[in-house]
């Protein structure tokens, strides 16, 4: 949900540079690179030449007015659902009671002889 709010409020520009009818560069958030034809046209003294390059700028504006609603603005059914959801969600992460394990600190007796080897009982 937060990603949806982030992308709906984000504004950006898409700038495209065309040389003739060919797309040379596309830039998002920055200025598009020129193909160098504009510099050659200005470096010569002939200003009557028609420029073959053009820049196209598209501005995508994000939403800038977000509505903040309070709990009282909701209908009664929505308030009941929201309060029940919050209570059940908070109880979901409630800790379990600590259980006492009676044999936690029990240590087995020392092994004097391995009974399986003495009786020659092997699992195959």
PDB file of N, CA and C in Angstrom:
ATOM      1  N   UNK A   1       0.826  -1.178   0.000  1.00  0.00           N
ATOM      2  CA  UNK A   1       0.000   0.000   0.000  1.00  0.00           C
ATOM      3  C   UNK A   1       0.880   1.254   0.000  1.00  0.00           C
ATOM      4  N   UNK A   2       1.987   1.196   0.732  1.00  0.00           N
ATOM      5  CA  UNK A   2       2.865   2.369   0.767  1.00  0.00           C
ATOM      6  C   UNK A   2       3.530   2.607  -0.586  1.00  0.00           C
ATOM      7  N   UNK A   3       3.829   1.535  -1.308  1.00  0.00           N
ATOM      8  CA  UNK A   3       4.412   1.697  -2.655  1.00  0.00           C
ATOM      9  C   UNK A   3       3.416   2.357  -3.599  1.00  0.00           C
ATOM     10  N   UNK A   4       2.149   2.013  -3.466  1.00  0.00           N
ATOM     11  CA  UNK A   4       1.115   2.622  -4.299  1.00  0.00           C
ATOM     12  C   UNK A   4       1.018   4.117  -4.026  1.00  0.00           C
ATOM     13  N   UNK A   5       1.063   4.505  -2.756  1.00  0.00           N
ATOM     14  CA  UNK A   5       1.020   5.926  -2.403  1.00  0.00           C
ATOM     15  C   UNK A   5       2.270   6.631  -2.908  1.00  0.00           C
ATOM     16  N   UNK A   6       3.425   5.986  -2.778  1.00  0.00           N
ATOM     17  CA  UNK A   6       4.676   6.589  -3.228  1.00  0.00           C
ATOM     18  C   UNK A   6       4.660   6.852  -4.729  1.00  0.00           C
ATOM     19  N   UNK A   7       4.267   5.856  -5.524  1.00  0.00           N
ATOM     20  CA  UNK A   7       4.296   6.020  -6.977  1.00  0.00           C
ATOM     21  C   UNK A   7       3.175   6.916  -7.492  1.00  0.00           C
ATOM     22  N   UNK A   8       2.070   7.017  -6.754  1.00  0.00           N
ATOM     23  CA  UNK A   8       1.000   7.902  -7.215  1.00  0.00           C
ATOM     24  C   UNK A   8       1.315   9.364  -6.924  1.00  0.00           C
ATOM     25  N   UNK A   9       2.185   9.643  -5.981  1.00  0.00           N
ATOM     26  CA  UNK A   9       2.536  11.028  -5.661  1.00  0.00           C
ATOM     27  C   UNK A   9       3.847  11.466  -6.303  1.00  0.00           C
ATOM     28  N   UNK A  10       4.518  10.590  -7.010  1.00  0.00           N
ATOM     29  CA  UNK A  10       5.808  10.901  -7.624  1.00  0.00           C
ATOM     30  C   UNK A  10       5.607  11.657  -8.935  1.00  0.00           C
ATOM     31  N   UNK A  11       6.301  12.775  -9.100  1.00  0.00           N
ATOM     32  CA  UNK A  11       6.275  13.536 -10.351  1.00  0.00           C
ATOM     33  C   UNK A  11       7.626  13.392 -11.039  1.00  0.00           C
ATOM     34  N   UNK A  12       7.608  13.303 -12.373  1.00  0.00           N
ATOM     35  CA  UNK A  12       8.862  13.190 -13.107  1.00  0.00           C
ATOM     36  C   UNK A  12       8.672  13.712 -14.520  1.00  0.00           C
ATOM     37  N   UNK A  13       9.807  13.955 -15.190  1.00  0.00           N
ATOM     38  CA  UNK A  13       9.781  14.417 -16.576  1.00  0.00           C
ATOM     39  C   UNK A  13      10.483  13.393 -17.460  1.00  0.00           C
ATOM     40  N   UNK A  14       9.959  13.249 -18.653  1.00  0.00           N
ATOM     41  CA  UNK A  14      10.569  12.389 -19.665  1.00  0.00           C
ATOM     42  C   UNK A  14      10.944  13.301 -20.819  1.00  0.00           C
ATOM     43  N   UNK A  15      12.235  13.382 -21.102  1.00  0.00           N
ATOM     44  CA  UNK A  15      12.720  14.265 -22.157  1.00  0.00           C
ATOM     45  C   UNK A  15      13.279  13.412 -23.289  1.00  0.00           C
ATOM     46  N   UNK A  16      12.837  13.728 -24.528  1.00  0.00           N
ATOM     47  CA  UNK A  16      13.278  12.988 -25.711  1.00  0.00           C
ATOM     48  C   UNK A  16      13.924  13.958 -26.682  1.00  0.00           C
ATOM     49  N   UNK A  17      15.025  13.524 -27.291  1.00  0.00           N
ATOM     50  CA  UNK A  17      15.712  14.337 -28.289  1.00  0.00           C
ATOM     51  C   UNK A  17      15.634  13.616 -29.626  1.00  0.00           C
ATOM     52  N   UNK A  18      15.076  14.306 -30.626  1.00  0.00           N
ATOM     53  CA  UNK A  18      14.942  13.759 -31.974  1.00  0.00           C
ATOM     54  C   UNK A  18      15.897  14.493 -32.901  1.00  0.00           C
ATOM     55  N   UNK A  19      16.566  13.750 -33.742  1.00  0.00           N
ATOM     56  CA  UNK A  19      17.376  14.329 -34.810  1.00  0.00           C
ATOM     57  C   UNK A  19      16.714  13.889 -36.104  1.00  0.00           C
ATOM     58  N   UNK A  20      16.031  14.811 -36.743  1.00  0.00           N
ATOM     59  CA  UNK A  20      15.208  14.452 -37.897  1.00  0.00           C
ATOM     60  C   UNK A  20      13.986  13.708 -37.389  1.00  0.00           C
ATOM     61  N   UNK A  21      13.779  12.516 -37.880  1.00  0.00           N
ATOM     62  CA  UNK A  21      12.683  11.680 -37.395  1.00  0.00           C
ATOM     63  C   UNK A  21      13.175  10.538 -36.510  1.00  0.00           C
ATOM     64  N   UNK A  22      14.462  10.534 -36.178  1.00  0.00           N
ATOM     65  CA  UNK A  22      15.042   9.452 -35.392  1.00  0.00           C
ATOM     66  C   UNK A  22      15.200   9.881 -33.938  1.00  0.00           C
ATOM     67  N   UNK A  23      14.790   9.005 -33.039  1.00  0.00           N
ATOM     68  CA  UNK A  23      14.942   9.241 -31.611  1.00  0.00           C
ATOM     69  C   UNK A  23      16.392   8.975 -31.226  1.00  0.00           C
ATOM     70  N   UNK A  24      17.045  10.004 -30.669  1.00  0.00           N
ATOM     71  CA  UNK A  24      18.459   9.881 -30.325  1.00  0.00           C
ATOM     72  C   UNK A  24      18.635   9.512 -28.861  1.00  0.00           C
ATOM     73  N   UNK A  25      17.899  10.181 -27.954  1.00  0.00           N
ATOM     74  CA  UNK A  25      18.109   9.949 -26.531  1.00  0.00           C
ATOM     75  C   UNK A  25      16.805  10.152 -25.784  1.00  0.00           C
ATOM     76  N   UNK A  26      16.617   9.349 -24.741  1.00  0.00           N
ATOM     77  CA  UNK A  26      15.486   9.475 -23.826  1.00  0.00           C
ATOM     78  C   UNK A  26      16.068   9.569 -22.430  1.00  0.00           C
ATOM     79  N   UNK A  27      15.587  10.542 -21.661  1.00  0.00           N
ATOM     80  CA  UNK A  27      16.094  10.717 -20.301  1.00  0.00           C
ATOM     81  C   UNK A  27      14.922  10.924 -19.353  1.00  0.00           C
ATOM     82  N   UNK A  28      15.006  10.267 -18.221  1.00  0.00           N
ATOM     83  CA  UNK A  28      14.016  10.442 -17.161  1.00  0.00           C
ATOM     84  C   UNK A  28      14.734  11.131 -16.014  1.00  0.00           C
ATOM     85  N   UNK A  29      14.138  12.180 -15.464  1.00  0.00           N
ATOM     86  CA  UNK A  29      14.661  12.986 -14.360  1.00  0.00           C
ATOM     87  C   UNK A  29      15.834  13.878 -14.762  1.00  0.00           C
ATOM     88  N   UNK A  30      16.425  13.713 -15.930  1.00  0.00           N
ATOM     89  CA  UNK A  30      17.565  14.532 -16.345  1.00  0.00           C
ATOM     90  C   UNK A  30      17.315  15.085 -17.741  1.00  0.00           C
ATOM     91  N   UNK A  31      18.275  15.875 -18.232  1.00  0.00           N
ATOM     92  CA  UNK A  31      18.168  16.452 -19.568  1.00  0.00           C
ATOM     93  C   UNK A  31      18.711  15.454 -20.584  1.00  0.00           C
ATOM     94  N   UNK A  32      18.015  15.331 -21.714  1.00  0.00           N
ATOM     95  CA  UNK A  32      18.441  14.404 -22.770  1.00  0.00           C
ATOM     96  C   UNK A  32      19.678  14.948 -23.468  1.00  0.00           C
ATOM     97  N   UNK A  33      20.559  14.060 -23.879  1.00  0.00           N
ATOM     98  CA  UNK A  33      21.797  14.442 -24.565  1.00  0.00           C
ATOM     99  C   UNK A  33      21.491  14.856 -26.001  1.00  0.00           C
ATOM    100  N   UNK A  34      22.218  15.866 -26.478  1.00  0.00           N
ATOM    101  CA  UNK A  34      22.067  16.305 -27.869  1.00  0.00           C
ATOM    102  C   UNK A  34      22.880  15.405 -28.784  1.00  0.00           C
ATOM    103  N   UNK A  35      22.510  15.413 -30.068  1.00  0.00           N
ATOM    104  CA  UNK A  35      23.242  14.608 -31.045  1.00  0.00           C
ATOM    105  C   UNK A  35      24.448  15.364 -31.596  1.00  0.00           C
ATOM    106  N   UNK A  36      24.562  16.658 -31.314  1.00  0.00           N
ATOM    107  CA  UNK A  36      25.686  17.454 -31.786  1.00  0.00           C
ATOM    108  C   UNK A  36      25.366  18.263 -33.019  1.00  0.00           C
ATOM    109  N   UNK A  37      24.220  18.077 -33.613  1.00  0.00           N
ATOM    110  CA  UNK A  37      23.857  18.817 -34.821  1.00  0.00           C
ATOM    111  C   UNK A  37      23.547  20.275 -34.502  1.00  0.00           C
ATOM    112  N   UNK A  38      23.023  20.563 -33.315  1.00  0.00           N
ATOM    113  CA  UNK A  38      22.728  21.945 -32.940  1.00  0.00           C
ATOM    114  C   UNK A  38      24.009  22.759 -32.841  1.00  0.00           C
ATOM    115  N   UNK A  39      25.064  22.173 -32.317  1.00  0.00           N
ATOM    116  CA  UNK A  39      26.327  22.893 -32.165  1.00  0.00           C
ATOM    117  C   UNK A  39      26.949  23.199 -33.521  1.00  0.00           C
ATOM    118  N   UNK A  40      26.832  22.274 -34.471  1.00  0.00           N
ATOM    119  CA  UNK A  40      27.381  22.512 -35.805  1.00  0.00           C
ATOM    120  C   UNK A  40      26.623  23.622 -36.517  1.00  0.00           C
ATOM    121  N   UNK A  41      25.334  23.712 -36.295  1.00  0.00           N
ATOM    122  CA  UNK A  41      24.532  24.746 -36.958  1.00  0.00           C
ATOM    123  C   UNK A  41      24.906  26.130 -36.435  1.00  0.00           C
ATOM    124  N   UNK A  42      25.182  26.241 -35.138  1.00  0.00           N
ATOM    125  CA  UNK A  42      25.534  27.542 -34.577  1.00  0.00           C
ATOM    126  C   UNK A  42      26.999  27.901 -34.815  1.00  0.00           C
ATOM    127  N   UNK A  43      27.840  26.907 -35.049  1.00  0.00           N
ATOM    128  CA  UNK A  43      29.251  27.211 -35.263  1.00  0.00           C
ATOM    129  C   UNK A  43      29.484  27.842 -36.637  1.00  0.00           C
ATOM    130  N   UNK A  44      28.659  27.514 -37.599  1.00  0.00           N
ATOM    131  CA  UNK A  44      28.796  28.148 -38.917  1.00  0.00           C
ATOM    132  C   UNK A  44      28.075  29.485 -38.903  1.00  0.00           C
ATOM    133  N   UNK A  45      28.448  30.331 -39.806  1.00  0.00           N
ATOM    134  CA  UNK A  45      27.857  31.674 -39.842  1.00  0.00           C
ATOM    135  C   UNK A  45      26.517  31.689 -40.554  1.00  0.00           C
ATOM    136  N   UNK A  46      26.091  30.587 -41.114  1.00  0.00           N
ATOM    137  CA  UNK A  46      24.848  30.532 -41.870  1.00  0.00           C
ATOM    138  C   UNK A  46      23.687  30.243 -40.906  1.00  0.00           C
ATOM    139  N   UNK A  47      22.904  31.279 -40.562  1.00  0.00           N
ATOM    140  CA  UNK A  47      21.801  31.112 -39.628  1.00  0.00           C
ATOM    141  C   UNK A  47      20.477  30.851 -40.335  1.00  0.00           C
ATOM    142  N   UNK A  48      20.469  30.805 -41.658  1.00  0.00           N
ATOM    143  CA  UNK A  48      19.229  30.562 -42.369  1.00  0.00           C
ATOM    144  C   UNK A  48      18.886  29.078 -42.439  1.00  0.00           C
ATOM    145  N   UNK A  49      19.778  28.202 -42.001  1.00  0.00           N
ATOM    146  CA  UNK A  49      19.512  26.774 -42.055  1.00  0.00           C
ATOM    147  C   UNK A  49      18.403  26.417 -41.063  1.00  0.00           C
ATOM    148  N   UNK A  50      17.583  25.499 -41.477  1.00  0.00           N
ATOM    149  CA  UNK A  50      16.521  25.024 -40.602  1.00  0.00           C
ATOM    150  C   UNK A  50      17.098  23.924 -39.708  1.00  0.00           C
ATOM    151  N   UNK A  51      16.777  23.986 -38.446  1.00  0.00           N
ATOM    152  CA  UNK A  51      17.291  22.990 -37.507  1.00  0.00           C
ATOM    153  C   UNK A  51      16.525  21.689 -37.674  1.00  0.00           C
ATOM    154  N   UNK A  52      17.248  20.605 -37.716  1.00  0.00           N
ATOM    155  CA  UNK A  52      16.605  19.301 -37.886  1.00  0.00           C
ATOM    156  C   UNK A  52      16.305  18.647 -36.539  1.00  0.00           C
ATOM    157  N   UNK A  53      16.821  19.200 -35.467  1.00  0.00           N
ATOM    158  CA  UNK A  53      16.658  18.592 -34.150  1.00  0.00           C
ATOM    159  C   UNK A  53      15.475  19.216 -33.422  1.00  0.00           C
ATOM    160  N   UNK A  54      14.851  18.404 -32.584  1.00  0.00           N
ATOM    161  CA  UNK A  54      13.789  18.929 -31.730  1.00  0.00           C
ATOM    162  C   UNK A  54      13.804  18.150 -30.419  1.00  0.00           C
ATOM    163  N   UNK A  55      13.387  18.827 -29.370  1.00  0.00           N
ATOM    164  CA  UNK A  55      13.283  18.224 -28.045  1.00  0.00           C
ATOM    165  C   UNK A  55      11.814  18.122 -27.677  1.00  0.00           C
ATOM    166  N   UNK A  56      11.454  17.008 -27.095  1.00  0.00           N
ATOM    167  CA  UNK A  56      10.083  16.786 -26.651  1.00  0.00           C
ATOM    168  C   UNK A  56      10.128  16.497 -25.157  1.00  0.00           C
ATOM    169  N   UNK A  57       9.363  17.245 -24.384  1.00  0.00           N
ATOM    170  CA  UNK A  57       9.370  17.103 -22.931  1.00  0.00           C
ATOM    171  C   UNK A  57       7.964  16.739 -22.477  1.00  0.00           C
ATOM    172  N   UNK A  58       7.864  15.655 -21.728  1.00  0.00           N
ATOM    173  CA  UNK A  58       6.593  15.239 -21.142  1.00  0.00           C
ATOM    174  C   UNK A  58       6.736  15.298 -19.630  1.00  0.00           C
ATOM    175  N   UNK A  59       5.825  16.007 -18.988  1.00  0.00           N
ATOM    176  CA  UNK A  59       5.843  16.124 -17.532  1.00  0.00           C
ATOM    177  C   UNK A  59       4.691  15.294 -16.984  1.00  0.00           C
ATOM    178  N   UNK A  60       5.021  14.333 -16.135  1.00  0.00           N
ATOM    179  CA  UNK A  60       4.012  13.500 -15.487  1.00  0.00           C
ATOM    180  C   UNK A  60       3.894  13.988 -14.055  1.00  0.00           C
ATOM    181  N   UNK A  61       2.753  14.582 -13.750  1.00  0.00           N
ATOM    182  CA  UNK A  61       2.549  15.127 -12.407  1.00  0.00           C
ATOM    183  C   UNK A  61       1.848  14.097 -11.543  1.00  0.00           C
ATOM    184  N   UNK A  62       2.358  13.949 -10.363  1.00  0.00           N
ATOM    185  CA  UNK A  62       1.752  13.025  -9.411  1.00  0.00           C
ATOM    186  C   UNK A  62       0.672  13.717  -8.610  1.00  0.00           C
ATOM    187  N   UNK A  63      -0.022  12.925  -7.861  1.00  0.00           N
ATOM    188  CA  UNK A  63      -1.095  13.452  -7.028  1.00  0.00           C
ATOM    189  C   UNK A  63      -0.471  14.213  -5.863  1.00  0.00           C
ATOM    190  N   UNK A  64      -0.954  15.428  -5.619  1.00  0.00           N
ATOM    191  CA  UNK A  64      -0.376  16.212  -4.527  1.00  0.00           C
ATOM    192  C   UNK A  64      -1.359  16.456  -3.390  1.00  0.00           C
ATOM    193  N   UNK A  65      -2.576  16.011  -3.533  1.00  0.00           N
ATOM    194  CA  UNK A  65      -3.566  16.210  -2.468  1.00  0.00           C
ATOM    195  C   UNK A  65      -4.016  14.847  -1.965  1.00  0.00           C
ATOM    196  N   UNK A  66      -3.500  14.462  -0.828  1.00  0.00           N
ATOM    197  CA  UNK A  66      -3.894  13.206  -0.218  1.00  0.00           C
ATOM    198  C   UNK A  66      -4.894  13.494   0.891  1.00  0.00           C
ATOM    199  N   UNK A  67      -5.929  12.695   0.954  1.00  0.00           N
ATOM    200  CA  UNK A  67      -6.976  12.895   1.946  1.00  0.00           C
ATOM    201  C   UNK A  67      -6.613  12.113   3.197  1.00  0.00           C
ATOM    202  N   UNK A  68      -6.600  12.805   4.312  1.00  0.00           N
ATOM    203  CA  UNK A  68      -6.379  12.153   5.591  1.00  0.00           C
ATOM    204  C   UNK A  68      -7.745  11.969   6.245  1.00  0.00           C
ATOM    205  N   UNK A  69      -8.088  10.734   6.540  1.00  0.00           N
ATOM    206  CA  UNK A  69      -9.377  10.475   7.174  1.00  0.00           C
ATOM    207  C   UNK A  69      -9.140   9.996   8.593  1.00  0.00           C
ATOM    208  N   UNK A  70     -10.052  10.343   9.461  1.00  0.00           N
ATOM    209  CA  UNK A  70      -9.938   9.928  10.853  1.00  0.00           C
ATOM    210  C   UNK A  70     -10.866   8.741  11.094  1.00  0.00           C
ATOM    211  N   UNK A  71     -10.789   8.184  12.273  1.00  0.00           N
ATOM    212  CA  UNK A  71     -11.602   7.026  12.632  1.00  0.00           C
ATOM    213  C   UNK A  71     -13.079   7.391  12.667  1.00  0.00           C
ATOM    214  N   UNK A  72     -13.393   8.631  13.043  1.00  0.00           N
ATOM    215  CA  UNK A  72     -14.783   9.072  13.132  1.00  0.00           C
ATOM    216  C   UNK A  72     -15.417   9.266  11.759  1.00  0.00           C
ATOM    217  N   UNK A  73     -14.620   9.439  10.707  1.00  0.00           N
ATOM    218  CA  UNK A  73     -15.155   9.617   9.361  1.00  0.00           C
ATOM    219  C   UNK A  73     -15.679   8.311   8.766  1.00  0.00           C
ATOM    220  N   UNK A  74     -15.282   7.176   9.325  1.00  0.00           N
ATOM    221  CA  UNK A  74     -15.701   5.881   8.800  1.00  0.00           C
ATOM    222  C   UNK A  74     -17.123   5.553   9.240  1.00  0.00           C
ATOM    223  N   UNK A  75     -17.778   4.698   8.461  1.00  0.00           N
ATOM    224  CA  UNK A  75     -19.114   4.245   8.835  1.00  0.00           C
ATOM    225  C   UNK A  75     -19.003   3.274   9.999  1.00  0.00           C
ATOM    226  N   UNK A  76     -20.142   2.984  10.641  1.00  0.00           N
ATOM    227  CA  UNK A  76     -20.147   2.141  11.831  1.00  0.00           C
ATOM    228  C   UNK A  76     -19.629   0.736  11.526  1.00  0.00           C
ATOM    229  N   UNK A  77     -20.038   0.165  10.386  1.00  0.00           N
ATOM    230  CA  UNK A  77     -19.580  -1.179  10.032  1.00  0.00           C
ATOM    231  C   UNK A  77     -18.066  -1.198   9.806  1.00  0.00           C
ATOM    232  N   UNK A  78     -17.546  -0.155   9.192  1.00  0.00           N
ATOM    233  CA  UNK A  78     -16.106  -0.079   8.957  1.00  0.00           C
ATOM    234  C   UNK A  78     -15.346   0.096  10.266  1.00  0.00           C
ATOM    235  N   UNK A  79     -15.906   0.865  11.195  1.00  0.00           N
ATOM    236  CA  UNK A  79     -15.264   1.039  12.497  1.00  0.00           C
ATOM    237  C   UNK A  79     -15.213  -0.284  13.253  1.00  0.00           C
ATOM    238  N   UNK A  80     -16.326  -1.037  13.221  1.00  0.00           N
ATOM    239  CA  UNK A  80     -16.356  -2.329  13.911  1.00  0.00           C
ATOM    240  C   UNK A  80     -15.354  -3.306  13.296  1.00  0.00           C
ATOM    241  N   UNK A  81     -15.308  -3.346  11.969  1.00  0.00           N
ATOM    242  CA  UNK A  81     -14.359  -4.238  11.303  1.00  0.00           C
ATOM    243  C   UNK A  81     -12.926  -3.856  11.633  1.00  0.00           C
ATOM    244  N   UNK A  82     -12.629  -2.576  11.593  1.00  0.00           N
ATOM    245  CA  UNK A  82     -11.268  -2.119  11.857  1.00  0.00           C
ATOM    246  C   UNK A  82     -10.850  -2.404  13.292  1.00  0.00           C
ATOM    247  N   UNK A  83     -11.743  -2.162  14.248  1.00  0.00           N
ATOM    248  CA  UNK A  83     -11.392  -2.429  15.646  1.00  0.00           C
ATOM    249  C   UNK A  83     -11.225  -3.928  15.889  1.00  0.00           C
ATOM    250  N   UNK A  84     -12.077  -4.768  15.276  1.00  0.00           N
ATOM    251  CA  UNK A  84     -11.934  -6.218  15.435  1.00  0.00           C
ATOM    252  C   UNK A  84     -10.647  -6.715  14.784  1.00  0.00           C
ATOM    253  N   UNK A  85     -10.304  -6.159  13.633  1.00  0.00           N
ATOM    254  CA  UNK A  85      -9.078  -6.562  12.947  1.00  0.00           C
ATOM    255  C   UNK A  85      -7.851  -6.194  13.767  1.00  0.00           C
ATOM    256  N   UNK A  86      -7.844  -5.002  14.335  1.00  0.00           N
ATOM    257  CA  UNK A  86      -6.689  -4.563  15.131  1.00  0.00           C
ATOM    258  C   UNK A  86      -6.543  -5.419  16.376  1.00  0.00           C
ATOM    259  N   UNK A  87      -7.664  -5.718  17.044  1.00  0.00           N
ATOM    260  CA  UNK A  87      -7.588  -6.554  18.250  1.00  0.00           C
ATOM    261  C   UNK A  87      -7.081  -7.954  17.928  1.00  0.00           C
ATOM    262  N   UNK A  88      -7.579  -8.546  16.851  1.00  0.00           N
ATOM    263  CA  UNK A  88      -7.124  -9.893  16.501  1.00  0.00           C
ATOM    264  C   UNK A  88      -5.673  -9.879  16.020  1.00  0.00           C
ATOM    265  N   UNK A  89      -5.262  -8.821  15.337  1.00  0.00           N
ATOM    266  CA  UNK A  89      -3.888  -8.735  14.856  1.00  0.00           C
ATOM    267  C   UNK A  89      -2.911  -8.568  16.016  1.00  0.00           C
ATOM    268  N   UNK A  90      -3.281  -7.766  17.011  1.00  0.00           N
ATOM    269  CA  UNK A  90      -2.398  -7.577  18.159  1.00  0.00           C
ATOM    270  C   UNK A  90      -2.321  -8.836  19.010  1.00  0.00           C
ATOM    271  N   UNK A  91      -3.435  -9.565  19.131  1.00  0.00           N
ATOM    272  CA  UNK A  91      -3.417 -10.805  19.908  1.00  0.00           C
ATOM    273  C   UNK A  91      -2.668 -11.915  19.191  1.00  0.00           C
ATOM    274  N   UNK A  92      -2.486 -11.782  17.894  1.00  0.00           N
ATOM    275  CA  UNK A  92      -1.761 -12.787  17.131  1.00  0.00           C
ATOM    276  C   UNK A  92      -0.302 -12.867  17.577  1.00  0.00           C
ATOM    277  N   UNK A  93       0.276 -11.738  17.931  1.00  0.00           N
ATOM    278  CA  UNK A  93       1.689 -11.691  18.308  1.00  0.00           C
ATOM    279  C   UNK A  93       1.897 -11.671  19.818  1.00  0.00           C
ATOM    280  N   UNK A  94       0.882 -12.026  20.555  1.00  0.00           N
ATOM    281  CA  UNK A  94       1.016 -12.098  21.998  1.00  0.00           C
ATOM    282  C   UNK A  94       1.869 -13.313  22.341  1.00  0.00           C
ATOM    283  N   UNK A  95       2.724 -13.174  23.324  1.00  0.00           N
ATOM    284  CA  UNK A  95       3.633 -14.260  23.669  1.00  0.00           C
ATOM    285  C   UNK A  95       2.922 -15.447  24.285  1.00  0.00           C
ATOM    286  N   UNK A  96       3.449 -16.631  24.053  1.00  0.00           N
ATOM    287  CA  UNK A  96       2.911 -17.840  24.652  1.00  0.00           C
ATOM    288  C   UNK A  96       3.389 -17.935  26.095  1.00  0.00           C
ATOM    289  N   UNK A  97       2.589 -18.563  26.964  1.00  0.00           N
ATOM    290  CA  UNK A  97       3.053 -18.708  28.358  1.00  0.00           C
ATOM    291  C   UNK A  97       4.269 -19.627  28.415  1.00  0.00           C
ATOM    292  N   UNK A  98       5.143 -19.326  29.339  1.00  0.00           N
ATOM    293  CA  UNK A  98       6.369 -20.103  29.453  1.00  0.00           C
ATOM    294  C   UNK A  98       6.054 -21.471  30.034  1.00  0.00           C
ATOM    295  N   UNK A  99       6.449 -22.503  29.336  1.00  0.00           N
ATOM    296  CA  UNK A  99       6.173 -23.859  29.785  1.00  0.00           C
ATOM    297  C   UNK A  99       7.392 -24.402  30.522  1.00  0.00           C
ATOM    298  N   UNK A 100       7.101 -25.117  31.605  1.00  0.00           N
ATOM    299  CA  UNK A 100       8.173 -25.705  32.403  1.00  0.00           C
ATOM    300  C   UNK A 100       8.471 -27.098  31.861  1.00  0.00           C
ATOM    301  N   UNK A 101       9.714 -27.341  31.535  1.00  0.00           N
ATOM    302  CA  UNK A 101      10.149 -28.652  31.045  1.00  0.00           C
ATOM    303  C   UNK A 101      10.813 -29.360  32.228  1.00  0.00           C
ATOM    304  N   UNK A 102      10.194 -30.446  32.725  1.00  0.00           N
ATOM    305  CA  UNK A 102      10.713 -31.055  33.961  1.00  0.00           C
ATOM    306  C   UNK A 102      12.074 -31.734  33.791  1.00  0.00           C
ATOM    307  N   UNK A 103      12.398 -32.231  32.627  1.00  0.00           N
ATOM    308  CA  UNK A 103      13.659 -32.962  32.440  1.00  0.00           C
ATOM    309  C   UNK A 103      14.695 -32.139  31.680  1.00  0.00           C
ATOM    310  N   UNK A 104      14.609 -30.825  31.781  1.00  0.00           N
ATOM    311  CA  UNK A 104      15.526 -29.961  31.039  1.00  0.00           C
ATOM    312  C   UNK A 104      16.966 -30.107  31.539  1.00  0.00           C
ATOM    313  N   UNK A 105      17.147 -30.169  32.834  1.00  0.00           N
ATOM    314  CA  UNK A 105      18.498 -30.231  33.402  1.00  0.00           C
ATOM    315  C   UNK A 105      18.924 -31.659  33.749  1.00  0.00           C
ATOM    316  N   UNK A 106      18.213 -32.666  33.253  1.00  0.00           N
ATOM    317  CA  UNK A 106      18.547 -34.064  33.527  1.00  0.00           C
ATOM    318  C   UNK A 106      19.727 -34.488  32.666  1.00  0.00           C
ATOM    319  N   UNK A 107      20.705 -35.077  33.293  1.00  0.00           N
ATOM    320  CA  UNK A 107      21.830 -35.613  32.532  1.00  0.00           C
ATOM    321  C   UNK A 107      21.773 -37.139  32.634  1.00  0.00           C
ATOM    322  N   UNK A 108      21.911 -37.854  31.535  1.00  0.00           N
ATOM    323  CA  UNK A 108      21.827 -39.318  31.570  1.00  0.00           C
ATOM    324  C   UNK A 108      23.041 -39.910  32.294  1.00  0.00           C
ATOM    325  N   UNK A 109      22.886 -41.126  32.760  1.00  0.00           N
ATOM    326  CA  UNK A 109      24.028 -41.756  33.449  1.00  0.00           C
ATOM    327  C   UNK A 109      25.158 -42.061  32.461  1.00  0.00           C
ATOM    328  N   UNK A 110      26.333 -42.226  33.007  1.00  0.00           N
ATOM    329  CA  UNK A 110      27.490 -42.521  32.162  1.00  0.00           C
ATOM    330  C   UNK A 110      27.331 -43.891  31.503  1.00  0.00           C
ATOM    331  N   UNK A 111      27.809 -44.007  30.274  1.00  0.00           N
ATOM    332  CA  UNK A 111      27.714 -45.248  29.508  1.00  0.00           C
ATOM    333  C   UNK A 111      28.898 -46.144  29.886  1.00  0.00           C
ATOM    334  N   UNK A 112      28.558 -47.246  30.526  1.00  0.00           N
ATOM    335  CA  UNK A 112      29.609 -48.166  30.944  1.00  0.00           C
ATOM    336  C   UNK A 112      29.989 -49.072  29.781  1.00  0.00           C
ATOM    337  N   UNK A 113      28.986 -49.638  29.133  1.00  0.00           N
ATOM    338  CA  UNK A 113      29.230 -50.515  27.986  1.00  0.00           C
ATOM    339  C   UNK A 113      28.096 -50.302  26.994  1.00  0.00           C
ATOM    340  N   UNK A 114      28.421 -50.425  25.714  1.00  0.00           N
ATOM    341  CA  UNK A 114      27.403 -50.256  24.685  1.00  0.00           C
ATOM    342  C   UNK A 114      26.625 -51.555  24.561  1.00  0.00           C
ATOM    343  N   UNK A 115      25.335 -51.502  24.962  1.00  0.00           N
ATOM    344  CA  UNK A 115      24.509 -52.710  25.022  1.00  0.00           C
ATOM    345  C   UNK A 115      24.287 -53.299  23.640  1.00  0.00           C
ATOM    346  N   UNK A 116      24.139 -52.485  22.619  1.00  0.00           N
ATOM    347  CA  UNK A 116      23.906 -52.993  21.269  1.00  0.00           C
ATOM    348  C   UNK A 116      25.098 -53.805  20.761  1.00  0.00           C
ATOM    349  N   UNK A 117      26.265 -53.354  21.082  1.00  0.00           N
ATOM    350  CA  UNK A 117      27.460 -54.083  20.638  1.00  0.00           C
ATOM    351  C   UNK A 117      27.630 -55.369  21.452  1.00  0.00           C
ATOM    352  N   UNK A 118      27.333 -55.309  22.747  1.00  0.00           N
ATOM    353  CA  UNK A 118      27.467 -56.509  23.573  1.00  0.00           C
ATOM    354  C   UNK A 118      26.484 -57.596  23.155  1.00  0.00           C
ATOM    355  N   UNK A 119      25.255 -57.199  22.844  1.00  0.00           N
ATOM    356  CA  UNK A 119      24.250 -58.179  22.425  1.00  0.00           C
ATOM    357  C   UNK A 119      24.324 -58.468  20.928  1.00  0.00           C
ATOM    358  N   UNK A 120      25.156 -57.774  20.202  1.00  0.00           N
ATOM    359  CA  UNK A 120      25.336 -57.899  18.759  1.00  0.00           C
ATOM    360  C   UNK A 120      24.009 -57.744  18.012  1.00  0.00           C
ATOM    361  N   UNK A 121      23.301 -56.640  18.335  1.00  0.00           N
ATOM    362  CA  UNK A 121      22.036 -56.298  17.679  1.00  0.00           C
ATOM    363  C   UNK A 121      22.316 -55.081  16.809  1.00  0.00           C
ATOM    364  N   UNK A 122      22.231 -55.278  15.492  1.00  0.00           N
ATOM    365  CA  UNK A 122      22.525 -54.205  14.551  1.00  0.00           C
ATOM    366  C   UNK A 122      21.338 -54.013  13.620  1.00  0.00           C
ATOM    367  N   UNK A 123      21.025 -52.793  13.319  1.00  0.00           N
ATOM    368  CA  UNK A 123      19.963 -52.487  12.359  1.00  0.00           C
ATOM    369  C   UNK A 123      20.549 -52.477  10.962  1.00  0.00           C
ATOM    370  N   UNK A 124      19.882 -53.190  10.067  1.00  0.00           N
ATOM    371  CA  UNK A 124      20.372 -53.249   8.689  1.00  0.00           C
ATOM    372  C   UNK A 124      19.444 -52.471   7.799  1.00  0.00           C
TER     373      UNK A 124
END
